Protein backbone atom coordinates (compact mmCIF):
# COMPACT_ATOMS: atom_id res chain seq x y z
CA MET A 1 0.66 10.00 29.41
CA LEU A 2 -2.69 9.65 27.82
CA ARG A 3 -1.94 6.02 26.65
CA ILE A 4 -0.96 5.27 30.37
CA LEU A 5 -4.23 6.59 31.53
CA GLU A 6 -6.10 4.69 28.96
CA SER A 7 -4.41 1.56 30.01
CA ILE A 8 -5.45 2.27 33.58
CA ALA A 9 -9.10 2.72 32.63
CA ASP A 10 -8.89 -0.52 30.72
CA ARG A 11 -7.54 -2.34 33.94
CA VAL A 12 -10.40 -0.86 35.95
CA GLU A 13 -13.02 -2.06 33.51
CA GLU A 14 -11.59 -5.51 33.75
CA ALA A 15 -11.62 -5.45 37.35
CA LEU A 16 -15.14 -4.42 37.67
CA ARG A 17 -16.24 -7.39 35.61
CA THR A 18 -15.26 -9.45 38.65
CA ILE A 19 -18.23 -8.08 40.72
CA PRO A 20 -20.97 -10.63 40.32
CA SER A 21 -24.00 -8.38 40.14
CA VAL A 22 -24.99 -4.70 40.01
CA GLY A 23 -26.43 -4.87 43.48
CA GLU A 24 -23.01 -5.85 45.05
CA ARG A 25 -21.28 -2.72 43.67
CA GLY A 26 -22.79 -0.63 46.41
CA VAL A 27 -21.79 -2.79 49.37
CA ASP A 28 -20.28 -0.54 52.18
CA MET A 29 -16.46 -1.26 52.82
CA GLY A 30 -15.95 1.39 55.38
CA MET A 31 -14.91 4.96 55.29
CA GLY A 32 -12.62 6.57 52.68
CA ALA A 33 -9.81 9.21 53.33
CA ASP A 34 -12.31 11.93 52.44
CA GLY A 35 -14.60 10.95 55.25
CA THR A 36 -17.25 9.45 53.05
CA PRO A 37 -18.36 5.82 52.75
CA THR A 38 -16.49 3.49 50.45
CA SER A 39 -18.37 1.12 48.33
CA GLN A 40 -17.00 -2.22 46.93
CA ILE A 41 -16.96 -0.84 43.39
CA ASP A 42 -14.81 2.17 44.60
CA LYS A 43 -12.29 0.08 46.43
CA ILE A 44 -11.96 -2.56 43.44
CA ALA A 45 -11.48 0.29 41.00
CA GLU A 46 -8.91 1.98 43.12
CA ASN A 47 -7.07 -1.15 43.81
CA ALA A 48 -6.86 -1.91 40.07
CA VAL A 49 -5.31 1.47 39.48
CA LEU A 50 -2.58 1.00 42.37
CA MET A 51 -1.73 -2.34 41.03
CA HIS A 52 -1.39 -1.10 37.54
CA LEU A 53 1.12 1.67 38.75
CA GLU A 54 3.12 -0.78 40.71
CA GLU A 55 3.29 -3.42 38.08
CA ASN A 56 4.23 -1.05 35.36
CA ASP A 57 6.54 1.10 37.47
CA VAL A 58 4.57 4.36 36.58
CA PRO A 59 6.22 7.29 38.20
CA LEU A 60 3.15 8.95 39.74
CA ASN A 61 1.97 9.79 43.31
CA VAL A 62 -1.60 9.11 43.86
CA LEU A 63 -4.29 11.29 45.41
CA SER A 64 -7.64 9.28 45.56
CA GLU A 65 -10.91 9.57 47.06
CA GLU A 66 -10.66 6.43 48.99
CA ILE A 67 -7.09 6.00 50.07
CA GLY A 68 -6.04 9.65 50.25
CA PHE A 69 -2.41 10.66 49.21
CA VAL A 70 0.02 7.98 48.37
CA ASP A 71 3.79 9.39 48.05
CA ARG A 72 5.49 7.22 45.62
CA GLY A 73 8.48 9.58 45.35
CA ALA A 74 7.35 11.10 42.05
CA GLU A 75 7.35 14.73 40.75
CA GLU A 76 3.63 14.56 39.57
CA THR A 77 0.48 13.16 41.02
CA LEU A 78 -2.46 11.26 39.60
CA VAL A 79 -5.53 12.91 41.05
CA LEU A 80 -8.02 10.03 40.82
CA ASP A 81 -11.71 9.51 41.42
CA PRO A 82 -11.89 5.75 40.72
CA ILE A 83 -15.65 5.90 40.36
CA ASP A 84 -17.46 9.14 40.07
CA GLY A 85 -21.14 8.26 40.23
CA THR A 86 -20.97 5.33 42.66
CA THR A 87 -24.69 5.40 43.41
CA ASN A 88 -25.61 5.38 39.74
CA SER A 89 -23.32 2.30 39.10
CA ALA A 90 -24.85 0.51 42.19
CA ILE A 91 -28.48 0.91 40.84
CA GLY A 92 -27.73 0.29 37.18
CA ILE A 93 -27.82 3.81 35.91
CA PRO A 94 -25.12 4.21 33.03
CA LEU A 95 -23.60 7.42 34.25
CA TYR A 96 -20.44 6.72 36.09
CA THR A 97 -16.76 7.31 35.33
CA ILE A 98 -13.14 6.95 36.09
CA SER A 99 -11.74 10.37 36.48
CA MET A 100 -7.93 10.94 36.22
CA ALA A 101 -5.72 13.95 35.92
CA VAL A 102 -1.90 14.38 36.08
CA GLY A 103 0.01 17.30 37.22
CA LYS A 104 1.48 18.99 40.26
CA GLY A 105 0.93 21.82 42.67
CA THR A 106 -2.91 22.34 42.75
CA MET A 107 -5.77 21.44 40.60
CA ASN A 108 -4.97 24.05 38.12
CA GLY A 109 -1.53 22.55 37.73
CA MET A 110 -2.94 19.54 35.90
CA ARG A 111 -1.53 19.07 32.38
CA VAL A 112 -3.35 15.81 31.25
CA ALA A 113 -6.90 14.57 31.82
CA TYR A 114 -8.71 11.47 30.97
CA LEU A 115 -12.39 10.60 31.69
CA ARG A 116 -14.20 7.44 30.62
CA ASN A 117 -17.88 6.67 31.20
CA LEU A 118 -17.53 3.08 32.29
CA SER A 119 -20.96 2.01 31.19
CA THR A 120 -21.01 3.46 27.64
CA GLY A 121 -17.10 3.61 26.96
CA GLU A 122 -17.45 7.32 25.93
CA THR A 123 -14.07 9.02 26.56
CA TYR A 124 -13.09 12.62 27.11
CA THR A 125 -9.40 13.69 27.04
CA ALA A 126 -7.36 16.88 27.29
CA GLU A 127 -3.81 18.09 27.41
CA LYS A 128 -2.95 21.62 28.55
CA GLY A 129 -2.74 23.88 25.52
CA LYS A 130 -3.78 21.23 23.04
CA GLY A 131 -7.56 21.19 23.28
CA ALA A 132 -10.23 18.74 24.47
CA PHE A 133 -11.71 15.81 22.73
CA LYS A 134 -14.50 13.35 22.97
CA ASP A 135 -13.68 9.92 21.45
CA GLY A 136 -10.91 11.51 19.39
CA GLU A 137 -13.01 14.52 18.01
CA ARG A 138 -12.27 17.98 19.25
CA ILE A 139 -15.08 19.48 21.38
CA ARG A 140 -15.91 23.14 22.11
CA VAL A 141 -18.19 24.84 24.70
CA LYS A 142 -21.27 26.92 23.74
CA GLU A 143 -19.69 30.25 23.42
CA ARG A 144 -22.97 32.14 22.87
CA SER A 145 -25.72 30.74 25.10
CA ASP A 146 -29.32 31.58 24.40
CA PRO A 147 -30.93 32.64 27.73
CA LYS A 148 -34.38 31.49 26.59
CA ASN A 149 -33.10 27.86 25.95
CA LEU A 150 -30.57 27.22 28.68
CA LEU A 151 -29.89 23.66 29.72
CA MET A 152 -28.22 23.51 33.09
CA MET A 153 -26.74 20.57 34.97
CA ILE A 154 -27.60 21.23 38.56
CA TYR A 155 -26.74 19.36 41.85
CA LEU A 156 -30.15 18.90 43.52
CA GLY A 157 -29.38 16.25 45.93
CA ASN A 158 -29.22 16.12 49.63
CA GLY A 159 -27.85 19.46 50.77
CA ALA A 160 -28.63 21.39 47.63
CA SER A 161 -28.98 25.12 48.22
CA THR A 162 -32.31 27.07 47.79
CA ALA A 163 -30.62 28.85 44.94
CA SER A 164 -30.14 25.57 43.05
CA PHE A 165 -33.88 24.80 43.08
CA GLU A 166 -34.67 28.44 42.06
CA LEU A 167 -32.30 28.06 39.19
CA ALA A 168 -34.02 24.83 38.06
CA LYS A 169 -37.29 26.86 38.02
CA ARG A 170 -35.83 29.67 35.94
CA VAL A 171 -34.10 27.72 33.12
CA LYS A 172 -35.84 26.01 30.30
CA SER A 173 -34.37 22.69 31.14
CA SER A 174 -32.36 21.19 33.96
CA ARG A 175 -30.90 17.91 34.72
CA ALA A 176 -29.23 16.23 37.80
CA TYR A 177 -27.08 13.20 36.87
CA GLY A 178 -25.26 12.64 40.03
CA CYS A 179 -21.91 12.39 38.28
CA ALA A 180 -20.10 15.80 38.21
CA SER A 181 -17.22 14.86 35.98
CA LEU A 182 -19.76 13.87 33.24
CA GLU A 183 -21.96 16.88 33.79
CA MET A 184 -19.00 19.24 33.40
CA SER A 185 -17.97 17.27 30.33
CA LEU A 186 -21.43 17.96 28.80
CA VAL A 187 -20.65 21.64 29.22
CA ALA A 188 -17.32 21.14 27.64
CA SER A 189 -18.83 19.41 24.46
CA GLY A 190 -21.45 22.14 24.16
CA GLN A 191 -24.36 19.89 25.01
CA ALA A 192 -25.32 21.91 28.23
CA ASP A 193 -24.74 25.55 29.07
CA GLY A 194 -23.44 25.06 32.59
CA PHE A 195 -23.25 23.14 35.77
CA LEU A 196 -23.94 24.36 39.32
CA MET A 197 -22.80 22.64 42.42
CA ASP A 198 -24.05 24.76 45.37
CA SER A 199 -24.47 22.68 48.59
CA VAL A 200 -25.48 24.06 52.07
CA SER A 201 -23.64 20.96 53.44
CA SER A 202 -19.89 21.14 53.22
CA SER A 203 -19.80 17.26 53.17
CA ARG A 204 -21.70 17.31 49.93
CA ALA A 205 -19.53 19.93 48.14
CA ILE A 206 -17.10 19.11 45.23
CA ARG A 207 -13.64 17.71 46.00
CA VAL A 208 -10.64 18.06 43.75
CA VAL A 209 -10.71 14.38 42.93
CA ASP A 210 -14.21 14.80 41.52
CA ILE A 211 -13.35 17.54 39.02
CA ALA A 212 -9.51 17.76 38.38
CA ALA A 213 -10.04 15.96 35.07
CA SER A 214 -13.20 17.75 34.01
CA SER A 215 -12.02 21.11 34.80
CA LEU A 216 -8.97 20.78 32.51
CA ILE A 217 -11.26 19.21 29.79
CA LEU A 218 -13.71 22.17 30.15
CA ARG A 219 -10.93 24.81 30.08
CA GLU A 220 -9.29 23.24 27.08
CA ALA A 221 -12.78 23.34 25.38
CA GLY A 222 -13.01 27.08 25.92
CA GLY A 223 -14.91 27.20 29.11
CA GLU A 224 -14.19 28.11 32.77
CA VAL A 225 -14.87 26.95 36.28
CA TYR A 226 -15.68 29.72 38.84
CA THR A 227 -16.26 29.69 42.64
CA LEU A 228 -19.72 30.82 43.75
CA ASP A 229 -18.41 34.31 44.39
CA GLY A 230 -16.99 34.70 40.74
CA ARG A 231 -13.32 33.95 41.20
CA VAL A 232 -11.61 31.30 38.95
CA LEU A 233 -11.60 28.05 40.87
CA ASP A 234 -8.48 26.43 42.12
CA MET A 235 -8.25 23.66 44.61
CA PRO A 236 -5.36 22.25 46.78
CA LEU A 237 -4.39 18.63 46.16
CA ASP A 238 -6.24 17.46 49.41
CA VAL A 239 -9.29 15.26 49.57
CA SER A 240 -10.59 17.22 52.69
CA ALA A 241 -10.95 20.50 50.59
CA ARG A 242 -14.45 21.25 49.35
CA SER A 243 -15.95 23.94 47.26
CA GLY A 244 -19.04 25.00 45.29
CA LEU A 245 -18.67 25.90 41.70
CA VAL A 246 -20.27 27.22 38.39
CA ALA A 247 -18.82 25.71 35.19
CA VAL A 248 -19.75 27.63 32.04
CA GLY A 249 -18.91 28.08 28.42
CA ASP A 250 -20.37 31.54 28.10
CA ARG A 251 -19.22 33.91 30.89
CA ARG A 252 -22.70 35.38 30.87
CA VAL A 253 -24.21 32.25 32.16
CA TYR A 254 -22.36 32.66 35.41
CA ARG A 255 -24.02 35.90 36.08
CA TYR A 256 -27.50 34.46 35.19
CA VAL A 257 -27.00 31.53 37.53
CA ARG A 258 -25.63 33.63 40.48
CA GLN A 259 -27.61 36.84 39.95
CA GLY A 260 -30.50 36.02 37.61
CA LEU A 261 -29.37 38.59 35.00
CA TRP A 262 -28.53 38.28 31.43
CA GLU A 263 -26.11 40.86 29.99
CA ASP A 264 -25.44 41.23 26.23
CA THR A 265 -23.10 44.24 26.47
CA HIS A 266 -19.59 44.03 25.28
CA ALA A 267 -16.56 44.92 27.44
CA ASP A 268 -15.61 47.74 25.08
CA GLU A 269 -18.93 49.54 25.30
CA ARG A 270 -19.13 52.62 27.46
CA PRO A 271 -21.22 52.13 30.70
CA ARG A 272 -24.57 53.73 31.34
CA TYR A 273 -24.75 55.69 34.61
CA GLY A 274 -27.69 56.25 36.87
CA VAL A 275 -28.04 58.89 39.66
CA PHE A 276 -30.44 58.30 42.70
CA VAL A 277 -30.68 61.13 45.23
CA ASN A 278 -32.22 61.42 48.64
CA THR A 279 -33.91 64.64 47.87
CA PHE A 280 -35.46 65.01 51.37
CA LYS A 281 -32.04 66.30 52.64
CA GLU A 282 -31.03 69.93 51.93
CA GLY A 283 -27.89 70.17 50.06
CA ASN A 284 -28.18 66.82 48.37
CA ASP A 285 -29.40 68.25 45.07
CA ALA A 286 -26.34 70.38 44.76
CA LEU A 287 -23.99 67.39 45.31
CA ALA A 288 -25.91 65.44 42.70
CA LYS A 289 -25.60 68.20 40.31
CA GLU A 290 -21.92 68.12 40.74
CA VAL A 291 -21.97 64.52 39.95
CA LEU A 292 -23.85 65.15 36.75
CA SER A 293 -21.35 67.95 35.92
CA GLU A 294 -18.49 65.38 36.20
CA LEU A 295 -20.36 62.90 34.06
CA GLU A 296 -21.08 65.34 31.28
CA GLY A 297 -20.77 63.62 27.93
CA GLU A 298 -21.59 60.18 29.43
CA ASP A 299 -24.83 58.23 29.01
CA VAL A 300 -26.61 59.25 32.19
CA VAL A 301 -30.33 58.82 33.57
CA VAL A 302 -31.67 60.19 36.76
CA ASP A 303 -34.44 59.11 39.09
CA GLU A 304 -37.70 60.83 38.83
CA GLY A 305 -37.46 62.56 42.25
CA PHE A 306 -34.43 64.40 41.14
CA ALA A 307 -35.39 65.04 37.51
CA ALA A 308 -36.91 68.42 38.04
CA ALA A 309 -33.84 69.83 39.89
CA ALA A 310 -31.48 68.27 37.28
CA GLY A 311 -33.58 69.89 34.44
CA MET A 312 -33.62 66.63 32.60
CA PRO A 313 -36.28 63.56 32.22
CA GLY A 314 -36.29 61.13 34.94
CA MET A 315 -37.50 57.58 35.54
CA PRO A 316 -38.47 55.28 38.46
CA LEU A 317 -35.40 53.66 39.98
CA GLU A 318 -36.67 50.07 39.22
CA ASP A 319 -36.88 51.07 35.41
CA MET A 320 -33.23 52.25 35.32
CA ASP A 321 -31.33 49.90 32.99
CA VAL A 322 -27.68 51.22 34.12
CA ASP A 323 -24.38 49.73 34.51
CA ILE A 324 -23.08 51.98 37.47
CA LEU A 325 -25.55 53.54 39.88
CA VAL A 326 -24.33 56.68 41.92
CA THR A 327 -26.44 57.47 44.88
CA VAL A 328 -26.33 60.67 46.87
CA GLY A 329 -27.32 60.36 50.47
CA GLY A 330 -26.30 58.00 53.28
CA ASP A 331 -26.43 54.21 53.99
CA GLY A 332 -30.40 54.28 53.93
CA THR A 333 -30.21 55.84 50.45
CA MET A 334 -27.91 52.91 49.17
CA LEU A 335 -30.14 50.33 50.84
CA ARG A 336 -33.31 51.77 49.12
CA ALA A 337 -31.46 51.70 45.80
CA LEU A 338 -30.43 48.09 46.29
CA GLN A 339 -34.02 47.16 46.90
CA LYS A 340 -34.91 48.15 43.35
CA ALA A 341 -31.93 48.43 41.10
CA ASP A 342 -29.41 45.90 39.81
CA ALA A 343 -26.13 47.65 39.06
CA ASP A 344 -22.73 48.31 40.32
CA ILE A 345 -23.42 50.85 43.07
CA VAL A 346 -21.26 53.71 44.62
CA GLY A 347 -22.38 56.18 47.22
CA VAL A 348 -21.61 59.94 47.76
CA ASN A 349 -21.81 60.24 51.55
CA ALA A 350 -24.24 63.03 52.53
CA GLY A 351 -25.27 61.50 55.72
CA ALA A 352 -23.90 61.22 59.20
CA VAL A 353 -21.86 58.16 58.97
CA GLY A 354 -22.15 56.66 55.51
CA PHE A 355 -20.42 53.37 56.25
CA LEU A 356 -21.39 51.83 52.86
CA THR A 357 -20.63 55.00 50.78
CA GLU A 358 -17.21 55.37 49.12
CA ILE A 359 -17.26 58.89 47.94
CA ASP A 360 -16.84 61.92 50.36
CA ARG A 361 -18.55 65.17 49.36
CA ASP A 362 -15.22 66.97 48.66
CA SER A 363 -13.77 64.16 46.44
CA ILE A 364 -16.48 63.94 43.88
CA PRO A 365 -14.47 65.21 40.85
CA ALA A 366 -11.66 62.65 41.48
CA ALA A 367 -13.93 59.76 42.30
CA VAL A 368 -16.06 60.25 39.15
CA GLY A 369 -12.91 60.41 37.10
CA ARG A 370 -11.84 57.04 38.43
CA LEU A 371 -15.31 55.62 37.52
CA LYS A 372 -14.96 56.83 34.00
CA ARG A 373 -11.53 55.40 33.81
CA GLY A 374 -12.53 52.06 35.27
CA GLU A 375 -10.15 52.49 38.17
CA TYR A 376 -12.08 50.53 40.74
CA SER A 377 -12.91 47.17 41.99
CA VAL A 378 -16.37 45.66 42.72
CA ASP A 379 -16.94 44.22 46.09
CA ARG A 380 -19.85 41.37 45.86
CA ARG A 381 -21.66 41.08 49.06
CA PRO A 382 -24.25 38.22 49.81
CA LYS A 383 -27.91 39.05 50.38
CA ILE A 384 -30.55 37.24 52.38
CA ARG A 385 -33.66 36.21 50.49
CA VAL A 386 -36.90 36.23 52.43
CA PHE A 387 -39.65 33.69 51.97
CA TYR A 388 -43.14 33.95 53.36
CA GLY A 389 -46.20 31.81 52.37
CA GLY A 390 -44.05 29.84 50.04
CA GLU A 391 -43.00 32.88 48.03
CA ALA A 392 -40.00 35.02 47.83
CA VAL A 393 -40.89 38.45 49.12
CA GLY A 394 -37.53 40.36 48.98
CA ASP A 395 -33.75 40.42 49.41
CA ALA A 396 -32.10 42.04 52.35
CA MET A 397 -28.63 43.62 51.93
CA ASN A 398 -28.17 44.46 55.68
CA GLU A 399 -30.65 42.58 57.72
CA VAL A 400 -33.95 40.95 57.96
CA VAL A 401 -36.10 41.60 61.25
CA ILE A 402 -39.20 39.58 62.31
CA HIS A 403 -40.54 42.10 64.91
CA THR A 404 -43.65 42.52 67.12
CA ASP A 405 -46.23 44.63 65.38
CA ALA A 406 -47.09 46.61 68.50
CA VAL A 407 -44.88 49.02 70.64
CA ALA A 408 -43.54 47.55 73.99
CA LYS A 409 -45.23 44.19 73.34
CA ILE A 410 -42.98 40.99 73.29
CA ARG A 411 -43.43 37.92 71.18
CA GLN A 412 -42.35 34.38 71.36
CA PHE A 413 -40.02 32.96 68.56
CA ARG A 414 -38.79 29.57 67.63
CA VAL A 415 -35.77 29.56 65.29
CA HIS A 416 -34.28 26.60 63.50
CA VAL A 417 -31.03 26.55 61.71
CA ASP A 418 -31.40 23.93 59.03
CA GLU A 419 -33.13 21.09 60.94
CA SER A 420 -31.75 22.02 64.35
CA LEU A 421 -33.61 24.08 66.98
CA ALA A 422 -31.19 27.07 67.53
CA MET A 423 -33.22 29.10 70.09
CA GLU A 424 -36.56 29.64 71.51
CA VAL A 425 -37.00 33.12 72.98
CA ARG A 426 -39.38 35.77 74.26
CA SER A 427 -38.20 39.08 72.72
CA ASP A 428 -39.17 42.10 70.66
CA GLY A 429 -37.92 40.26 67.67
CA ILE A 430 -35.35 38.25 65.72
CA MET A 431 -32.81 39.60 63.35
CA LEU A 432 -30.72 37.82 60.81
CA SER A 433 -27.79 40.10 59.72
CA THR A 434 -25.35 39.82 56.83
CA PRO A 435 -21.63 40.72 57.30
CA THR A 436 -22.55 44.03 55.57
CA GLY A 437 -25.11 44.75 58.14
CA SER A 438 -22.96 43.85 61.11
CA THR A 439 -21.87 47.53 61.13
CA GLY A 440 -25.51 48.67 61.37
CA TYR A 441 -28.60 47.71 63.36
CA ALA A 442 -26.99 44.36 64.46
CA LEU A 443 -23.92 46.35 66.11
CA SER A 444 -26.33 48.46 68.13
CA LEU A 445 -27.86 45.35 69.53
CA GLY A 446 -24.52 44.04 70.70
CA ALA A 447 -23.52 41.75 67.88
CA SER A 448 -19.91 41.64 66.65
CA ILE A 449 -18.56 43.47 63.57
CA MET A 450 -17.97 40.92 60.87
CA ASP A 451 -15.35 41.16 58.23
CA ALA A 452 -17.31 41.34 54.87
CA ARG A 453 -15.25 38.31 53.50
CA VAL A 454 -16.70 36.01 56.23
CA ASN A 455 -19.33 33.58 54.92
CA ALA A 456 -21.64 33.82 57.77
CA TRP A 457 -24.90 35.37 59.13
CA THR A 458 -25.51 36.64 62.71
CA LEU A 459 -28.68 35.46 64.34
CA VAL A 460 -29.60 38.20 66.87
CA PRO A 461 -32.47 38.13 69.56
CA MET A 462 -33.74 41.66 70.07
CA ALA A 463 -34.32 42.70 73.69
CA ALA A 464 -34.76 39.07 74.79
CA ILE A 465 -36.03 38.43 78.35
CA GLU A 466 -33.57 35.70 79.02
CA PHE A 467 -29.98 37.16 79.62
CA SER A 468 -28.53 34.01 78.08
CA SER A 469 -30.12 34.82 74.70
CA ARG A 470 -27.00 36.06 72.83
CA PRO A 471 -26.12 36.63 69.20
CA LEU A 472 -25.20 33.50 67.25
CA VAL A 473 -22.97 33.38 64.22
CA ILE A 474 -23.89 30.72 61.75
CA PRO A 475 -22.91 29.69 58.12
CA ASP A 476 -24.34 31.58 55.40
CA SER A 477 -25.22 28.36 53.75
CA THR A 478 -27.79 27.53 56.14
CA ARG A 479 -31.54 27.73 55.96
CA VAL A 480 -32.96 29.80 58.94
CA THR A 481 -36.72 29.24 59.83
CA VAL A 482 -38.48 31.58 62.27
CA GLU A 483 -41.76 30.68 63.75
CA CYS A 484 -43.84 33.29 65.38
CA VAL A 485 -45.31 31.03 68.13
CA MET A 486 -47.85 33.35 69.71
CA ASP A 487 -51.14 34.21 68.13
CA ARG A 488 -50.34 37.82 67.82
CA GLY A 489 -49.19 39.83 64.79
CA CYS A 490 -45.62 40.59 63.71
CA LYS A 491 -43.80 42.45 61.00
CA ILE A 492 -41.11 41.51 58.46
CA VAL A 493 -38.83 44.37 58.01
CA ILE A 494 -36.19 44.13 55.27
CA ASP A 495 -33.24 46.57 55.45
CA GLY A 496 -35.54 48.97 57.15
CA GLN A 497 -37.06 49.80 53.75
CA LYS A 498 -39.89 47.25 53.32
CA GLU A 499 -42.41 46.12 55.81
CA ILE A 500 -44.79 43.06 55.72
CA ASP A 501 -47.43 42.46 58.24
CA ILE A 502 -47.88 38.77 59.09
CA PRO A 503 -50.34 37.24 61.57
CA GLY A 504 -49.42 35.26 64.58
CA GLY A 505 -48.45 31.64 64.03
CA SER A 506 -46.68 32.60 60.83
CA THR A 507 -43.35 31.02 59.64
CA VAL A 508 -40.68 32.96 57.79
CA VAL A 509 -37.85 31.25 56.03
CA LEU A 510 -34.47 32.94 55.33
CA ALA A 511 -31.68 31.79 52.97
CA LYS A 512 -28.85 33.01 51.01
CA SER A 513 -29.92 34.94 47.91
CA PRO A 514 -28.72 34.04 44.41
CA VAL A 515 -28.38 37.81 43.96
CA SER A 516 -25.42 39.78 45.30
CA GLY A 517 -24.95 43.50 46.11
CA ARG A 518 -22.10 44.90 44.02
CA PHE A 519 -20.26 47.81 45.69
CA ILE A 520 -17.77 49.81 43.77
CA ARG A 521 -14.59 50.26 45.87
CA PHE A 522 -11.51 52.50 45.42
CA ASP A 523 -8.57 52.33 47.75
CA ARG A 524 -10.01 52.13 51.21
CA ASP A 525 -10.59 48.59 52.65
CA PHE A 526 -12.99 47.28 55.19
CA TYR A 527 -10.82 48.01 58.04
CA SER A 528 -10.03 51.52 57.01
CA HIS A 529 -13.71 52.10 56.96
CA ILE A 530 -14.07 50.92 60.52
CA ARG A 531 -11.30 53.14 61.68
CA GLU A 532 -12.68 56.15 59.80
CA LYS A 533 -16.36 55.70 60.28
CA LEU A 534 -16.88 53.81 63.50
CA VAL A 535 -13.88 54.55 65.69
CA ARG A 536 -14.15 57.99 67.23
CA PRO A 537 -10.95 60.01 68.07
CA PRO A 538 -10.51 60.49 71.84
């Protein structure tokens, strides 16, 4: 099969020589099956592939960026991007490929991959279970990346997320080549540490035709391709399907890309535990001591507020370097902890509702036993990052509120979602809530409960004068800009824990944070929490 794909690439190179000039490569030929414009170079390359298959009676269906799916009655499908990097080719930048993979089922069912840089002739190949090669020489990913010297390939084009630009500032070096197949192949060959594609525009996200070949090449080189929320990426053989991704050699790079953390611990090391307590509520110290008793023999640190009662040294929460943080209190205690700590978090409910908590006060021994045995899952929840004055000022797990700074005084707010004016209202404030926060303050304001798996925010006017001003559900990939129109002061309130006074006329920008909250869960799911915590018996 590799020889067949090599012959197809030769045929495409020959066909491209018929285009008189570089400038004519980018001439628009209409719309492709994926809903994006087709250039002359794309169409000529695709036609060359189809002609080769017909003339040589090659038994393959075709899934291509331009023509879509062609059923030729075969068992396997050629997943084809005739030209990846069309714009590069049209302006003479030598970074564009023909990308081909053969297999069946889904993207992860590909068994052969072939990628050629049509400008330089460099070729990447892979067969499932047989390794990956560049110009016939075996290649491997960087298995141990250096966090101080990361080179990341990052999509920074029209539609790139805020997190993408922030990552470019954090790493030592970054590049944006406009050719995803080559960028992933650089990760496969150990020349780059990772590739991030995170677009706020679905039309700009990755298609299966872009990466079917390079995903197999990367995996055969020892790397992996993940979704933005950490799952191994697979895609249907459908040109309309889109996805973000993080491609890496060293798994630690994924966590650094998405959460800004670098972890050098090994899987077989015992975790370090932290205990954080709301000491202002009577009875919490006793519950926390029960937690400590169950953790006897483990590596445990406690926060400085609880240290005296625990009879052991304590430290500020923000200085705790722990893997698992156990909070004792209610939802507010967990939100305070999430403002300062980065760890997998689980709460003992000593509050009234405790929707975010997982451990009831009478089940501490059993729950801590499960923690020690690793019998739990980690539920990753998106946060909102708050920008004011051009700087990031905090992350919200539940909600961000921009509110009047005076009691019983309304303000006027103008809210844009990306570039579109979404609402202009006179109200007490504007709230942007995460799905996690939908069961809290947003719910009391009349917004809907949102399943935590939904990738959306809720935009909520607070006590608006106009009756028609209702909550809006918007994609969490969008950028929300809130303008405080009147020349009167307001406050930014983050999770009810952090307040920032801002003058009238200020602008606040809200976007998806690269950092997630990580909640430890046992058996109860989201809907059982709703039944148990929010639905009262008659």
